[in-house]
């Protein structure tokens, strides 16, 4: 792999993870449609893994964050 390809993939990873985390931190999505937010986060992580942008460990970590966000959103909805 050339250094140009490595640089491109590194930049792509940074962009994709920023997008992923912006959805994770979207309070409106968590409040109004937590199931959609959860599914979107997990699907995005799966695609990143399939394309080799993240590895298996990172996939597990992102899915754990998505699951925790979903659980938290559901608990907040129950308490209201």
Protein backbone atom coordinates (compact mmCIF):
# COMPACT_ATOMS: atom_id res chain seq x y z
CA UNK A 1 0.00 0.00 0.00
CA UNK A 2 1.34 3.40 -0.92
CA UNK A 3 1.58 6.23 1.56
CA UNK A 4 -1.14 8.13 -0.37
CA UNK A 5 -3.58 5.26 0.14
CA UNK A 6 -2.67 4.96 3.82
CA UNK A 7 -3.13 8.73 4.29
CA UNK A 8 -6.50 8.61 2.50
CA UNK A 9 -7.74 5.72 4.65
CA UNK A 10 -6.58 7.41 7.84
CA UNK A 11 -8.41 10.60 6.88
CA UNK A 12 -11.49 8.61 5.91
CA UNK A 13 -11.47 6.82 9.26
CA UNK A 14 -11.31 10.14 11.10
CA UNK A 15 -14.23 11.54 9.08
CA UNK A 16 -16.38 8.46 9.48
CA UNK A 17 -15.78 8.25 13.23
CA UNK A 18 -16.64 11.93 13.60
CA UNK A 19 -19.92 11.30 11.77
CA UNK A 20 -20.60 8.23 13.89
CA UNK A 21 -19.97 10.09 17.15
CA UNK A 22 -22.08 13.06 16.05
CA UNK A 23 -25.06 10.71 15.66
CA UNK A 24 -24.24 9.10 19.01
CA UNK A 25 -24.34 12.52 20.68
CA UNK A 26 -27.55 13.62 18.92
CA UNK A 27 -29.94 14.15 21.84
CA UNK A 28 -32.97 14.72 19.62
CA UNK A 29 -32.47 11.38 17.87
CA UNK A 30 -32.03 9.67 21.24
CA UNK A 31 -35.21 11.20 22.62
CA UNK A 32 -37.58 10.98 19.67
CA UNK A 33 -36.35 7.87 17.85
CA UNK A 34 -33.89 5.91 20.01
CA UNK A 35 -34.49 2.69 18.05
CA UNK A 36 -33.63 4.46 14.77
CA UNK A 37 -30.52 6.03 16.29
CA UNK A 38 -29.43 2.67 17.67
CA UNK A 39 -29.96 0.83 14.38
CA UNK A 40 -28.19 3.58 12.42
CA UNK A 41 -25.19 3.56 14.72
CA UNK A 42 -24.84 -0.22 14.55
CA UNK A 43 -25.28 -0.30 10.76
CA UNK A 44 -22.74 2.46 10.24
CA UNK A 45 -20.23 0.61 12.42
CA UNK A 46 -20.88 -2.61 10.46
CA UNK A 47 -20.22 -0.85 7.15
CA UNK A 48 -17.02 0.70 8.50
CA UNK A 49 -15.87 -2.76 9.53
CA UNK A 50 -16.79 -4.36 6.18
CA UNK A 51 -14.78 -1.77 4.31
CA UNK A 52 -11.79 -2.27 6.60
CA UNK A 53 -11.94 1.22 8.05
CA UNK A 54 -12.20 -0.16 11.58
CA UNK A 55 -11.12 -3.50 12.98
CA UNK A 56 -13.12 -6.05 14.95
CA UNK A 57 -12.21 -4.60 18.34
CA UNK A 58 -13.32 -1.13 17.24
CA UNK A 59 -16.57 -2.61 15.91
CA UNK A 60 -17.30 -4.15 19.30
CA UNK A 61 -16.49 -0.88 21.07
CA UNK A 62 -18.75 1.17 18.80
CA UNK A 63 -21.58 -1.32 19.20
CA UNK A 64 -21.20 -1.22 22.99
CA UNK A 65 -21.43 2.59 22.90
CA UNK A 66 -24.53 2.40 20.69
CA UNK A 67 -26.14 -0.15 23.01
CA UNK A 68 -25.36 1.96 26.08
CA UNK A 69 -26.82 5.08 24.45
CA UNK A 70 -29.98 3.18 23.53
CA UNK A 71 -30.33 1.76 27.03
CA UNK A 72 -29.90 5.18 28.55
CA UNK A 73 -32.48 6.71 26.21
CA UNK A 74 -35.02 4.01 27.02
CA UNK A 75 -34.50 4.47 30.76
CA UNK A 76 -35.02 8.22 30.41
CA UNK A 77 -38.24 7.66 28.51
CA UNK A 78 -39.51 5.28 31.20
CA UNK A 79 -38.82 7.79 33.95
CA UNK A 80 -40.89 10.54 32.31
